[in-house]
């Protein structure tokens, strides 16, 4: 067992939209990411995705529903199949919880797609 200190883990990288693997449990991955700007519209066919904001603010834009705005300490679960786009007007630090092996851009391939995640 290893204790993870979120502040220290986030201090190990600066890249935006490049999630890091913090832990795995029961087939799920705990990922940390720094976000700023707009991500790509995408969905995950087989995975729900949880966004927990640890610092800053994040807006989850949705095609068919009202956007969800998350402040520090708030989270939302985006159900599988729901098209969404995370947007951070200023840098936000986010913990993601989703099935291991879930690609960050879901059904879309782009320059932001990450398949081999670095560990923190």
PDB file of N, CA and C in Angstrom:
ATOM      1  N   UNK A   1       0.843  -1.181   0.000  1.00  0.00           N
ATOM      2  CA  UNK A   1       0.000   0.000   0.000  1.00  0.00           C
ATOM      3  C   UNK A   1       0.884   1.238   0.000  1.00  0.00           C
ATOM      4  N   UNK A   2       0.515   2.192  -0.837  1.00  0.00           N
ATOM      5  CA  UNK A   2       1.228   3.461  -0.869  1.00  0.00           C
ATOM      6  C   UNK A   2       0.250   4.607  -0.728  1.00  0.00           C
ATOM      7  N   UNK A   3       0.559   5.497   0.173  1.00  0.00           N
ATOM      8  CA  UNK A   3      -0.259   6.691   0.360  1.00  0.00           C
ATOM      9  C   UNK A   3       0.054   7.669  -0.764  1.00  0.00           C
ATOM     10  N   UNK A   4      -0.986   8.308  -1.305  1.00  0.00           N
ATOM     11  CA  UNK A   4      -0.817   9.327  -2.339  1.00  0.00           C
ATOM     12  C   UNK A   4      -1.274  10.666  -1.766  1.00  0.00           C
ATOM     13  N   UNK A   5      -0.420  11.654  -1.856  1.00  0.00           N
ATOM     14  CA  UNK A   5      -0.766  13.012  -1.478  1.00  0.00           C
ATOM     15  C   UNK A   5      -1.066  13.761  -2.775  1.00  0.00           C
ATOM     16  N   UNK A   6      -2.308  14.190  -2.945  1.00  0.00           N
ATOM     17  CA  UNK A   6      -2.722  14.781  -4.218  1.00  0.00           C
ATOM     18  C   UNK A   6      -1.882  15.989  -4.608  1.00  0.00           C
ATOM     19  N   UNK A   7      -1.642  16.918  -3.684  1.00  0.00           N
ATOM     20  CA  UNK A   7      -0.849  18.099  -4.023  1.00  0.00           C
ATOM     21  C   UNK A   7       0.534  17.701  -4.540  1.00  0.00           C
ATOM     22  N   UNK A   8       1.176  16.769  -3.865  1.00  0.00           N
ATOM     23  CA  UNK A   8       2.509  16.330  -4.283  1.00  0.00           C
ATOM     24  C   UNK A   8       2.448  15.620  -5.628  1.00  0.00           C
ATOM     25  N   UNK A   9       1.428  14.810  -5.847  1.00  0.00           N
ATOM     26  CA  UNK A   9       1.288  14.101  -7.120  1.00  0.00           C
ATOM     27  C   UNK A   9       1.064  15.083  -8.267  1.00  0.00           C
ATOM     28  N   UNK A  10       0.206  16.084  -8.072  1.00  0.00           N
ATOM     29  CA  UNK A  10      -0.021  17.081  -9.122  1.00  0.00           C
ATOM     30  C   UNK A  10       1.239  17.903  -9.390  1.00  0.00           C
ATOM     31  N   UNK A  11       2.099  18.078  -8.382  1.00  0.00           N
ATOM     32  CA  UNK A  11       3.333  18.842  -8.559  1.00  0.00           C
ATOM     33  C   UNK A  11       4.355  18.124  -9.433  1.00  0.00           C
ATOM     34  N   UNK A  12       4.144  16.838  -9.737  1.00  0.00           N
ATOM     35  CA  UNK A  12       5.119  16.077 -10.517  1.00  0.00           C
ATOM     36  C   UNK A  12       4.994  16.288 -12.024  1.00  0.00           C
ATOM     37  N   UNK A  13       3.967  17.015 -12.471  1.00  0.00           N
ATOM     38  CA  UNK A  13       3.829  17.256 -13.914  1.00  0.00           C
ATOM     39  C   UNK A  13       3.138  18.592 -14.163  1.00  0.00           C
ATOM     40  N   UNK A  14       3.331  19.108 -15.385  1.00  0.00           N
ATOM     41  CA  UNK A  14       2.766  20.397 -15.763  1.00  0.00           C
ATOM     42  C   UNK A  14       1.868  20.327 -16.996  1.00  0.00           C
ATOM     43  N   UNK A  15       1.969  19.256 -17.767  1.00  0.00           N
ATOM     44  CA  UNK A  15       1.249  19.152 -19.032  1.00  0.00           C
ATOM     45  C   UNK A  15      -0.267  19.144 -18.826  1.00  0.00           C
ATOM     46  N   UNK A  16      -0.961  19.830 -19.728  1.00  0.00           N
ATOM     47  CA  UNK A  16      -2.416  19.821 -19.715  1.00  0.00           C
ATOM     48  C   UNK A  16      -2.931  18.703 -20.618  1.00  0.00           C
ATOM     49  N   UNK A  17      -4.078  18.130 -20.242  1.00  0.00           N
ATOM     50  CA  UNK A  17      -4.768  17.086 -21.012  1.00  0.00           C
ATOM     51  C   UNK A  17      -3.897  15.838 -21.181  1.00  0.00           C
ATOM     52  N   UNK A  18      -3.038  15.578 -20.220  1.00  0.00           N
ATOM     53  CA  UNK A  18      -2.158  14.414 -20.264  1.00  0.00           C
ATOM     54  C   UNK A  18      -2.264  13.670 -18.931  1.00  0.00           C
ATOM     55  N   UNK A  19      -3.339  12.860 -18.773  1.00  0.00           N
ATOM     56  CA  UNK A  19      -3.584  12.223 -17.469  1.00  0.00           C
ATOM     57  C   UNK A  19      -2.449  11.311 -17.030  1.00  0.00           C
ATOM     58  N   UNK A  20      -2.289  11.242 -15.711  1.00  0.00           N
ATOM     59  CA  UNK A  20      -1.303  10.362 -15.084  1.00  0.00           C
ATOM     60  C   UNK A  20      -2.057   9.321 -14.263  1.00  0.00           C
ATOM     61  N   UNK A  21      -1.530   8.119 -14.230  1.00  0.00           N
ATOM     62  CA  UNK A  21      -2.131   7.041 -13.452  1.00  0.00           C
ATOM     63  C   UNK A  21      -1.648   7.143 -12.012  1.00  0.00           C
ATOM     64  N   UNK A  22      -2.598   7.327 -11.082  1.00  0.00           N
ATOM     65  CA  UNK A  22      -2.256   7.432  -9.666  1.00  0.00           C
ATOM     66  C   UNK A  22      -2.433   6.106  -8.948  1.00  0.00           C
ATOM     67  N   UNK A  23      -3.422   5.290  -9.388  1.00  0.00           N
ATOM     68  CA  UNK A  23      -3.686   4.005  -8.733  1.00  0.00           C
ATOM     69  C   UNK A  23      -4.656   3.191  -9.589  1.00  0.00           C
ATOM     70  N   UNK A  24      -4.694   1.889  -9.306  1.00  0.00           N
ATOM     71  CA  UNK A  24      -5.692   1.004  -9.911  1.00  0.00           C
ATOM     72  C   UNK A  24      -6.294   0.146  -8.809  1.00  0.00           C
ATOM     73  N   UNK A  25      -7.601  -0.088  -8.902  1.00  0.00           N
ATOM     74  CA  UNK A  25      -8.271  -0.941  -7.938  1.00  0.00           C
ATOM     75  C   UNK A  25      -9.508  -1.542  -8.570  1.00  0.00           C
ATOM     76  N   UNK A  26      -9.688  -2.828  -8.368  1.00  0.00           N
ATOM     77  CA  UNK A  26     -10.890  -3.516  -8.836  1.00  0.00           C
ATOM     78  C   UNK A  26     -11.210  -3.242 -10.298  1.00  0.00           C
ATOM     79  N   UNK A  27     -10.181  -3.197 -11.132  1.00  0.00           N
ATOM     80  CA  UNK A  27     -10.396  -2.960 -12.554  1.00  0.00           C
ATOM     81  C   UNK A  27     -10.658  -1.511 -12.909  1.00  0.00           C
ATOM     82  N   UNK A  28     -10.510  -0.611 -11.946  1.00  0.00           N
ATOM     83  CA  UNK A  28     -10.734   0.817 -12.166  1.00  0.00           C
ATOM     84  C   UNK A  28      -9.401   1.564 -12.069  1.00  0.00           C
ATOM     85  N   UNK A  29      -9.321   2.691 -12.774  1.00  0.00           N
ATOM     86  CA  UNK A  29      -8.128   3.526 -12.732  1.00  0.00           C
ATOM     87  C   UNK A  29      -8.454   4.856 -12.071  1.00  0.00           C
ATOM     88  N   UNK A  30      -7.542   5.309 -11.225  1.00  0.00           N
ATOM     89  CA  UNK A  30      -7.610   6.640 -10.645  1.00  0.00           C
ATOM     90  C   UNK A  30      -6.536   7.450 -11.371  1.00  0.00           C
ATOM     91  N   UNK A  31      -6.991   8.475 -12.086  1.00  0.00           N
ATOM     92  CA  UNK A  31      -6.082   9.282 -12.896  1.00  0.00           C
ATOM     93  C   UNK A  31      -6.116  10.721 -12.413  1.00  0.00           C
ATOM     94  N   UNK A  32      -4.976  11.396 -12.552  1.00  0.00           N
ATOM     95  CA  UNK A  32      -4.871  12.810 -12.232  1.00  0.00           C
ATOM     96  C   UNK A  32      -4.562  13.563 -13.513  1.00  0.00           C
ATOM     97  N   UNK A  33      -5.206  14.715 -13.693  1.00  0.00           N
ATOM     98  CA  UNK A  33      -4.952  15.501 -14.896  1.00  0.00           C
ATOM     99  C   UNK A  33      -5.054  16.986 -14.578  1.00  0.00           C
ATOM    100  N   UNK A  34      -4.207  17.747 -15.270  1.00  0.00           N
ATOM    101  CA  UNK A  34      -4.316  19.197 -15.253  1.00  0.00           C
ATOM    102  C   UNK A  34      -4.980  19.581 -16.569  1.00  0.00           C
ATOM    103  N   UNK A  35      -6.014  20.394 -16.470  1.00  0.00           N
ATOM    104  CA  UNK A  35      -6.798  20.756 -17.637  1.00  0.00           C
ATOM    105  C   UNK A  35      -6.822  22.264 -17.808  1.00  0.00           C
ATOM    106  N   UNK A  36      -6.690  22.706 -19.047  1.00  0.00           N
ATOM    107  CA  UNK A  36      -6.852  24.124 -19.360  1.00  0.00           C
ATOM    108  C   UNK A  36      -7.212  24.233 -20.830  1.00  0.00           C
ATOM    109  N   UNK A  37      -8.241  25.028 -21.117  1.00  0.00           N
ATOM    110  CA  UNK A  37      -8.726  25.174 -22.474  1.00  0.00           C
ATOM    111  C   UNK A  37      -9.851  24.191 -22.750  1.00  0.00           C
ATOM    112  N   UNK A  38     -10.063  23.912 -24.037  1.00  0.00           N
ATOM    113  CA  UNK A  38     -11.139  23.012 -24.455  1.00  0.00           C
ATOM    114  C   UNK A  38     -10.567  21.666 -24.876  1.00  0.00           C
ATOM    115  N   UNK A  39     -11.243  20.610 -24.476  1.00  0.00           N
ATOM    116  CA  UNK A  39     -10.887  19.261 -24.905  1.00  0.00           C
ATOM    117  C   UNK A  39     -11.720  18.932 -26.138  1.00  0.00           C
ATOM    118  N   UNK A  40     -11.630  17.719 -26.637  1.00  0.00           N
ATOM    119  CA  UNK A  40     -12.403  17.304 -27.811  1.00  0.00           C
ATOM    120  C   UNK A  40     -13.758  16.744 -27.373  1.00  0.00           C
ATOM    121  N   UNK A  41     -14.771  16.932 -28.220  1.00  0.00           N
ATOM    122  CA  UNK A  41     -16.053  16.272 -27.994  1.00  0.00           C
ATOM    123  C   UNK A  41     -15.850  14.778 -28.171  1.00  0.00           C
ATOM    124  N   UNK A  42     -16.377  13.979 -27.237  1.00  0.00           N
ATOM    125  CA  UNK A  42     -16.211  12.526 -27.319  1.00  0.00           C
ATOM    126  C   UNK A  42     -17.216  11.850 -26.390  1.00  0.00           C
ATOM    127  N   UNK A  43     -17.265  10.545 -26.482  1.00  0.00           N
ATOM    128  CA  UNK A  43     -18.026   9.738 -25.520  1.00  0.00           C
ATOM    129  C   UNK A  43     -17.299   8.417 -25.333  1.00  0.00           C
ATOM    130  N   UNK A  44     -17.694   7.697 -24.306  1.00  0.00           N
ATOM    131  CA  UNK A  44     -17.123   6.386 -24.010  1.00  0.00           C
ATOM    132  C   UNK A  44     -18.255   5.369 -24.130  1.00  0.00           C
ATOM    133  N   UNK A  45     -18.118   4.442 -25.069  1.00  0.00           N
ATOM    134  CA  UNK A  45     -19.185   3.465 -25.318  1.00  0.00           C
ATOM    135  C   UNK A  45     -19.453   2.560 -24.125  1.00  0.00           C
ATOM    136  N   UNK A  46     -18.385   2.158 -23.424  1.00  0.00           N
ATOM    137  CA  UNK A  46     -18.519   1.128 -22.393  1.00  0.00           C
ATOM    138  C   UNK A  46     -18.097   1.581 -21.000  1.00  0.00           C
ATOM    139  N   UNK A  47     -17.987   2.870 -20.766  1.00  0.00           N
ATOM    140  CA  UNK A  47     -17.462   3.309 -19.474  1.00  0.00           C
ATOM    141  C   UNK A  47     -18.117   4.599 -19.001  1.00  0.00           C
ATOM    142  N   UNK A  48     -18.549   4.591 -17.744  1.00  0.00           N
ATOM    143  CA  UNK A  48     -18.910   5.834 -17.077  1.00  0.00           C
ATOM    144  C   UNK A  48     -17.589   6.508 -16.688  1.00  0.00           C
ATOM    145  N   UNK A  49     -17.622   7.830 -16.525  1.00  0.00           N
ATOM    146  CA  UNK A  49     -16.403   8.564 -16.201  1.00  0.00           C
ATOM    147  C   UNK A  49     -16.716   9.583 -15.115  1.00  0.00           C
ATOM    148  N   UNK A  50     -15.924   9.551 -14.044  1.00  0.00           N
ATOM    149  CA  UNK A  50     -16.125  10.490 -12.945  1.00  0.00           C
ATOM    150  C   UNK A  50     -15.048  11.567 -12.989  1.00  0.00           C
ATOM    151  N   UNK A  51     -15.482  12.819 -12.873  1.00  0.00           N
ATOM    152  CA  UNK A  51     -14.592  13.970 -12.792  1.00  0.00           C
ATOM    153  C   UNK A  51     -14.750  14.581 -11.399  1.00  0.00           C
ATOM    154  N   UNK A  52     -13.664  14.631 -10.621  1.00  0.00           N
ATOM    155  CA  UNK A  52     -13.645  15.270  -9.305  1.00  0.00           C
ATOM    156  C   UNK A  52     -12.642  16.413  -9.361  1.00  0.00           C
ATOM    157  N   UNK A  53     -13.111  17.635  -9.180  1.00  0.00           N
ATOM    158  CA  UNK A  53     -12.238  18.804  -9.239  1.00  0.00           C
ATOM    159  C   UNK A  53     -11.573  18.988  -7.873  1.00  0.00           C
ATOM    160  N   UNK A  54     -10.238  18.982  -7.872  1.00  0.00           N
ATOM    161  CA  UNK A  54      -9.501  19.200  -6.627  1.00  0.00           C
ATOM    162  C   UNK A  54      -8.983  20.625  -6.526  1.00  0.00           C
ATOM    163  N   UNK A  55      -8.911  21.320  -7.673  1.00  0.00           N
ATOM    164  CA  UNK A  55      -8.456  22.705  -7.691  1.00  0.00           C
ATOM    165  C   UNK A  55      -8.998  23.367  -8.952  1.00  0.00           C
ATOM    166  N   UNK A  56      -9.481  24.592  -8.825  1.00  0.00           N
ATOM    167  CA  UNK A  56      -9.986  25.321  -9.981  1.00  0.00           C
ATOM    168  C   UNK A  56     -11.450  25.034 -10.257  1.00  0.00           C
ATOM    169  N   UNK A  57     -11.820  25.213 -11.512  1.00  0.00           N
ATOM    170  CA  UNK A  57     -13.201  25.006 -11.940  1.00  0.00           C
ATOM    171  C   UNK A  57     -13.207  24.321 -13.297  1.00  0.00           C
ATOM    172  N   UNK A  58     -14.159  23.431 -13.497  1.00  0.00           N
ATOM    173  CA  UNK A  58     -14.285  22.675 -14.743  1.00  0.00           C
ATOM    174  C   UNK A  58     -15.732  22.717 -15.200  1.00  0.00           C
ATOM    175  N   UNK A  59     -15.904  22.927 -16.487  1.00  0.00           N
ATOM    176  CA  UNK A  59     -17.233  22.877 -17.085  1.00  0.00           C
ATOM    177  C   UNK A  59     -17.290  21.653 -17.995  1.00  0.00           C
ATOM    178  N   UNK A  60     -18.291  20.818 -17.792  1.00  0.00           N
ATOM    179  CA  UNK A  60     -18.513  19.671 -18.673  1.00  0.00           C
ATOM    180  C   UNK A  60     -19.640  20.074 -19.623  1.00  0.00           C
ATOM    181  N   UNK A  61     -19.295  20.313 -20.872  1.00  0.00           N
ATOM    182  CA  UNK A  61     -20.301  20.665 -21.859  1.00  0.00           C
ATOM    183  C   UNK A  61     -20.953  19.386 -22.366  1.00  0.00           C
ATOM    184  N   UNK A  62     -22.258  19.440 -22.515  1.00  0.00           N
ATOM    185  CA  UNK A  62     -23.040  18.291 -22.955  1.00  0.00           C
ATOM    186  C   UNK A  62     -23.865  18.701 -24.171  1.00  0.00           C
ATOM    187  N   UNK A  63     -23.985  17.817 -25.141  1.00  0.00           N
ATOM    188  CA  UNK A  63     -24.728  18.151 -26.362  1.00  0.00           C
ATOM    189  C   UNK A  63     -26.228  18.241 -26.113  1.00  0.00           C
ATOM    190  N   UNK A  64     -26.742  17.356 -25.267  1.00  0.00           N
ATOM    191  CA  UNK A  64     -28.194  17.242 -25.134  1.00  0.00           C
ATOM    192  C   UNK A  64     -28.738  17.652 -23.766  1.00  0.00           C
ATOM    193  N   UNK A  65     -27.873  18.201 -22.920  1.00  0.00           N
ATOM    194  CA  UNK A  65     -28.287  18.641 -21.594  1.00  0.00           C
ATOM    195  C   UNK A  65     -27.572  19.941 -21.267  1.00  0.00           C
ATOM    196  N   UNK A  66     -27.982  20.571 -20.169  1.00  0.00           N
ATOM    197  CA  UNK A  66     -27.316  21.773 -19.701  1.00  0.00           C
ATOM    198  C   UNK A  66     -25.901  21.421 -19.226  1.00  0.00           C
ATOM    199  N   UNK A  67     -24.950  22.328 -19.463  1.00  0.00           N
ATOM    200  CA  UNK A  67     -23.581  22.121 -19.004  1.00  0.00           C
ATOM    201  C   UNK A  67     -23.552  21.937 -17.492  1.00  0.00           C
ATOM    202  N   UNK A  68     -22.551  21.205 -17.018  1.00  0.00           N
ATOM    203  CA  UNK A  68     -22.341  21.004 -15.585  1.00  0.00           C
ATOM    204  C   UNK A  68     -21.067  21.747 -15.198  1.00  0.00           C
ATOM    205  N   UNK A  69     -21.169  22.656 -14.248  1.00  0.00           N
ATOM    206  CA  UNK A  69     -20.010  23.412 -13.766  1.00  0.00           C
ATOM    207  C   UNK A  69     -19.607  22.846 -12.417  1.00  0.00           C
ATOM    208  N   UNK A  70     -18.334  22.477 -12.313  1.00  0.00           N
ATOM    209  CA  UNK A  70     -17.803  21.880 -11.093  1.00  0.00           C
ATOM    210  C   UNK A  70     -16.758  22.797 -10.471  1.00  0.00           C
ATOM    211  N   UNK A  71     -16.933  23.082  -9.198  1.00  0.00           N
ATOM    212  CA  UNK A  71     -15.944  23.831  -8.436  1.00  0.00           C
ATOM    213  C   UNK A  71     -15.141  22.849  -7.588  1.00  0.00           C
ATOM    214  N   UNK A  72     -14.106  23.357  -6.945  1.00  0.00           N
ATOM    215  CA  UNK A  72     -13.251  22.541  -6.092  1.00  0.00           C
ATOM    216  C   UNK A  72     -14.089  21.737  -5.099  1.00  0.00           C
ATOM    217  N   UNK A  73     -13.820  20.432  -5.033  1.00  0.00           N
ATOM    218  CA  UNK A  73     -14.525  19.553  -4.112  1.00  0.00           C
ATOM    219  C   UNK A  73     -15.804  18.970  -4.673  1.00  0.00           C
ATOM    220  N   UNK A  74     -16.149  19.282  -5.921  1.00  0.00           N
ATOM    221  CA  UNK A  74     -17.369  18.754  -6.541  1.00  0.00           C
ATOM    222  C   UNK A  74     -17.019  17.742  -7.628  1.00  0.00           C
ATOM    223  N   UNK A  75     -17.939  16.788  -7.838  1.00  0.00           N
ATOM    224  CA  UNK A  75     -17.724  15.813  -8.899  1.00  0.00           C
ATOM    225  C   UNK A  75     -19.020  15.497  -9.617  1.00  0.00           C
ATOM    226  N   UNK A  76     -18.858  14.904 -10.799  1.00  0.00           N
ATOM    227  CA  UNK A  76     -19.993  14.442 -11.590  1.00  0.00           C
ATOM    228  C   UNK A  76     -19.577  13.146 -12.278  1.00  0.00           C
ATOM    229  N   UNK A  77     -20.554  12.280 -12.491  1.00  0.00           N
ATOM    230  CA  UNK A  77     -20.330  11.063 -13.270  1.00  0.00           C
ATOM    231  C   UNK A  77     -21.018  11.253 -14.613  1.00  0.00           C
ATOM    232  N   UNK A  78     -20.248  11.168 -15.681  1.00  0.00           N
ATOM    233  CA  UNK A  78     -20.794  11.225 -17.031  1.00  0.00           C
ATOM    234  C   UNK A  78     -21.078   9.781 -17.448  1.00  0.00           C
ATOM    235  N   UNK A  79     -22.347   9.452 -17.680  1.00  0.00           N
ATOM    236  CA  UNK A  79     -22.690   8.068 -18.038  1.00  0.00           C
ATOM    237  C   UNK A  79     -22.124   7.667 -19.399  1.00  0.00           C
ATOM    238  N   UNK A  80     -21.854   6.395 -19.538  1.00  0.00           N
ATOM    239  CA  UNK A  80     -21.364   5.868 -20.821  1.00  0.00           C
ATOM    240  C   UNK A  80     -22.309   6.297 -21.939  1.00  0.00           C
ATOM    241  N   UNK A  81     -21.712   6.579 -23.091  1.00  0.00           N
ATOM    242  CA  UNK A  81     -22.490   6.954 -24.260  1.00  0.00           C
ATOM    243  C   UNK A  81     -22.887   8.414 -24.344  1.00  0.00           C
ATOM    244  N   UNK A  82     -22.670   9.197 -23.288  1.00  0.00           N
ATOM    245  CA  UNK A  82     -23.053  10.612 -23.289  1.00  0.00           C
ATOM    246  C   UNK A  82     -21.907  11.435 -23.875  1.00  0.00           C
ATOM    247  N   UNK A  83     -22.181  12.145 -24.964  1.00  0.00           N
ATOM    248  CA  UNK A  83     -21.150  12.968 -25.578  1.00  0.00           C
ATOM    249  C   UNK A  83     -20.897  14.196 -24.700  1.00  0.00           C
ATOM    250  N   UNK A  84     -19.623  14.461 -24.456  1.00  0.00           N
ATOM    251  CA  UNK A  84     -19.252  15.550 -23.564  1.00  0.00           C
ATOM    252  C   UNK A  84     -17.920  16.157 -23.982  1.00  0.00           C
ATOM    253  N   UNK A  85     -17.660  17.363 -23.457  1.00  0.00           N
ATOM    254  CA  UNK A  85     -16.387  18.040 -23.694  1.00  0.00           C
ATOM    255  C   UNK A  85     -16.017  18.812 -22.438  1.00  0.00           C
ATOM    256  N   UNK A  86     -14.945  18.409 -21.766  1.00  0.00           N
ATOM    257  CA  UNK A  86     -14.463  19.177 -20.617  1.00  0.00           C
ATOM    258  C   UNK A  86     -13.817  20.491 -21.081  1.00  0.00           C
ATOM    259  N   UNK A  87     -14.086  21.553 -20.338  1.00  0.00           N
ATOM    260  CA  UNK A  87     -13.523  22.868 -20.636  1.00  0.00           C
ATOM    261  C   UNK A  87     -13.092  23.510 -19.318  1.00  0.00           C
ATOM    262  N   UNK A  88     -11.854  24.020 -19.296  1.00  0.00           N
ATOM    263  CA  UNK A  88     -11.356  24.744 -18.125  1.00  0.00           C
ATOM    264  C   UNK A  88     -10.843  26.097 -18.604  1.00  0.00           C
ATOM    265  N   UNK A  89     -11.528  27.160 -18.224  1.00  0.00           N
ATOM    266  CA  UNK A  89     -11.117  28.502 -18.650  1.00  0.00           C
ATOM    267  C   UNK A  89      -9.767  28.879 -18.057  1.00  0.00           C
ATOM    268  N   UNK A  90      -9.480  28.382 -16.862  1.00  0.00           N
ATOM    269  CA  UNK A  90      -8.175  28.517 -16.222  1.00  0.00           C
ATOM    270  C   UNK A  90      -7.779  27.124 -15.750  1.00  0.00           C
ATOM    271  N   UNK A  91      -6.524  26.926 -15.413  1.00  0.00           N
ATOM    272  CA  UNK A  91      -6.070  25.589 -15.043  1.00  0.00           C
ATOM    273  C   UNK A  91      -6.900  24.997 -13.900  1.00  0.00           C
ATOM    274  N   UNK A  92      -7.288  23.746 -14.102  1.00  0.00           N
ATOM    275  CA  UNK A  92      -7.985  22.973 -13.068  1.00  0.00           C
ATOM    276  C   UNK A  92      -7.234  21.662 -12.869  1.00  0.00           C
ATOM    277  N   UNK A  93      -7.230  21.193 -11.639  1.00  0.00           N
ATOM    278  CA  UNK A  93      -6.665  19.877 -11.328  1.00  0.00           C
ATOM    279  C   UNK A  93      -7.828  18.948 -11.040  1.00  0.00           C
ATOM    280  N   UNK A  94      -7.809  17.792 -11.707  1.00  0.00           N
ATOM    281  CA  UNK A  94      -8.960  16.904 -11.685  1.00  0.00           C
ATOM    282  C   UNK A  94      -8.521  15.464 -11.433  1.00  0.00           C
ATOM    283  N   UNK A  95      -9.288  14.777 -10.600  1.00  0.00           N
ATOM    284  CA  UNK A  95      -9.132  13.345 -10.393  1.00  0.00           C
ATOM    285  C   UNK A  95     -10.197  12.664 -11.246  1.00  0.00           C
ATOM    286  N   UNK A  96      -9.787  11.700 -12.059  1.00  0.00           N
ATOM    287  CA  UNK A  96     -10.694  10.936 -12.910  1.00  0.00           C
ATOM    288  C   UNK A  96     -10.766   9.511 -12.395  1.00  0.00           C
ATOM    289  N   UNK A  97     -11.948   8.956 -12.421  1.00  0.00           N
ATOM    290  CA  UNK A  97     -12.145   7.571 -11.990  1.00  0.00           C
ATOM    291  C   UNK A  97     -12.944   6.878 -13.079  1.00  0.00           C
ATOM    292  N   UNK A  98     -12.343   5.837 -13.665  1.00  0.00           N
ATOM    293  CA  UNK A  98     -12.975   5.141 -14.782  1.00  0.00           C
ATOM    294  C   UNK A  98     -12.340   3.756 -14.928  1.00  0.00           C
ATOM    295  N   UNK A  99     -12.949   2.855 -15.715  1.00  0.00           N
ATOM    296  CA  UNK A  99     -12.352   1.538 -15.890  1.00  0.00           C
ATOM    297  C   UNK A  99     -10.930   1.632 -16.457  1.00  0.00           C
ATOM    298  N   UNK A 100     -10.034   0.807 -15.942  1.00  0.00           N
ATOM    299  CA  UNK A 100      -8.664   0.761 -16.447  1.00  0.00           C
ATOM    300  C   UNK A 100      -8.695   0.510 -17.946  1.00  0.00           C
ATOM    301  N   UNK A 101      -7.801   1.169 -18.657  1.00  0.00           N
ATOM    302  CA  UNK A 101      -7.734   1.005 -20.103  1.00  0.00           C
ATOM    303  C   UNK A 101      -8.624   1.949 -20.883  1.00  0.00           C
ATOM    304  N   UNK A 102      -9.431   2.753 -20.182  1.00  0.00           N
ATOM    305  CA  UNK A 102     -10.286   3.716 -20.869  1.00  0.00           C
ATOM    306  C   UNK A 102      -9.417   4.822 -21.469  1.00  0.00           C
ATOM    307  N   UNK A 103      -9.585   5.065 -22.758  1.00  0.00           N
ATOM    308  CA  UNK A 103      -8.824   6.100 -23.441  1.00  0.00           C
ATOM    309  C   UNK A 103      -9.442   7.463 -23.159  1.00  0.00           C
ATOM    310  N   UNK A 104      -8.614   8.448 -22.914  1.00  0.00           N
ATOM    311  CA  UNK A 104      -9.112   9.767 -22.516  1.00  0.00           C
ATOM    312  C   UNK A 104     -10.000  10.422 -23.566  1.00  0.00           C
ATOM    313  N   UNK A 105      -9.811  10.114 -24.843  1.00  0.00           N
ATOM    314  CA  UNK A 105     -10.635  10.724 -25.888  1.00  0.00           C
ATOM    315  C   UNK A 105     -11.747   9.793 -26.367  1.00  0.00           C
ATOM    316  N   UNK A 106     -11.959   8.701 -25.657  1.00  0.00           N
ATOM    317  CA  UNK A 106     -13.079   7.802 -25.968  1.00  0.00           C
ATOM    318  C   UNK A 106     -13.129   7.359 -27.406  1.00  0.00           C
ATOM    319  N   UNK A 107     -14.211   7.704 -28.098  1.00  0.00           N
ATOM    320  CA  UNK A 107     -14.437   7.252 -29.464  1.00  0.00           C
ATOM    321  C   UNK A 107     -13.719   8.101 -30.517  1.00  0.00           C
ATOM    322  N   UNK A 108     -12.917   9.067 -30.087  1.00  0.00           N
ATOM    323  CA  UNK A 108     -12.253   9.988 -31.010  1.00  0.00           C
ATOM    324  C   UNK A 108     -10.742   9.811 -30.916  1.00  0.00           C
ATOM    325  N   UNK A 109     -10.076   9.790 -32.062  1.00  0.00           N
ATOM    326  CA  UNK A 109      -8.611   9.796 -32.101  1.00  0.00           C
ATOM    327  C   UNK A 109      -8.174  11.222 -32.403  1.00  0.00           C
ATOM    328  N   UNK A 110      -7.284  11.775 -31.586  1.00  0.00           N
ATOM    329  CA  UNK A 110      -6.765  13.123 -31.836  1.00  0.00           C
ATOM    330  C   UNK A 110      -5.352  13.216 -31.276  1.00  0.00           C
ATOM    331  N   UNK A 111      -4.745  14.383 -31.452  1.00  0.00           N
ATOM    332  CA  UNK A 111      -3.410  14.604 -30.902  1.00  0.00           C
ATOM    333  C   UNK A 111      -3.422  14.589 -29.378  1.00  0.00           C
ATOM    334  N   UNK A 112      -4.601  14.663 -28.774  1.00  0.00           N
ATOM    335  CA  UNK A 112      -4.726  14.617 -27.317  1.00  0.00           C
ATOM    336  C   UNK A 112      -4.928  13.202 -26.767  1.00  0.00           C
ATOM    337  N   UNK A 113      -5.081  12.206 -27.648  1.00  0.00           N
ATOM    338  CA  UNK A 113      -5.294  10.824 -27.214  1.00  0.00           C
ATOM    339  C   UNK A 113      -4.046  10.303 -26.509  1.00  0.00           C
ATOM    340  N   UNK A 114      -4.243   9.752 -25.325  1.00  0.00           N
ATOM    341  CA  UNK A 114      -3.147   9.164 -24.535  1.00  0.00           C
ATOM    342  C   UNK A 114      -3.470   7.702 -24.274  1.00  0.00           C
ATOM    343  N   UNK A 115      -2.555   6.812 -24.641  1.00  0.00           N
ATOM    344  CA  UNK A 115      -2.802   5.380 -24.437  1.00  0.00           C
ATOM    345  C   UNK A 115      -1.892   4.788 -23.366  1.00  0.00           C
ATOM    346  N   UNK A 116      -0.642   5.207 -23.327  1.00  0.00           N
ATOM    347  CA  UNK A 116       0.297   4.725 -22.305  1.00  0.00           C
ATOM    348  C   UNK A 116       0.503   5.827 -21.275  1.00  0.00           C
ATOM    349  N   UNK A 117      -0.141   5.670 -20.118  1.00  0.00           N
ATOM    350  CA  UNK A 117      -0.085   6.721 -19.112  1.00  0.00           C
ATOM    351  C   UNK A 117       1.135   6.587 -18.214  1.00  0.00           C
ATOM    352  N   UNK A 118       1.765   7.721 -17.935  1.00  0.00           N
ATOM    353  CA  UNK A 118       2.819   7.748 -16.947  1.00  0.00           C
ATOM    354  C   UNK A 118       2.190   7.614 -15.568  1.00  0.00           C
ATOM    355  N   UNK A 119       2.936   7.066 -14.633  1.00  0.00           N
ATOM    356  CA  UNK A 119       2.446   6.948 -13.259  1.00  0.00           C
ATOM    357  C   UNK A 119       2.991   8.105 -12.425  1.00  0.00           C
ATOM    358  N   UNK A 120       2.187   8.483 -11.404  1.00  0.00           N
ATOM    359  CA  UNK A 120       2.674   9.529 -10.486  1.00  0.00           C
ATOM    360  C   UNK A 120       3.150   8.860  -9.223  1.00  0.00           C
TER     361      UNK A 120
END
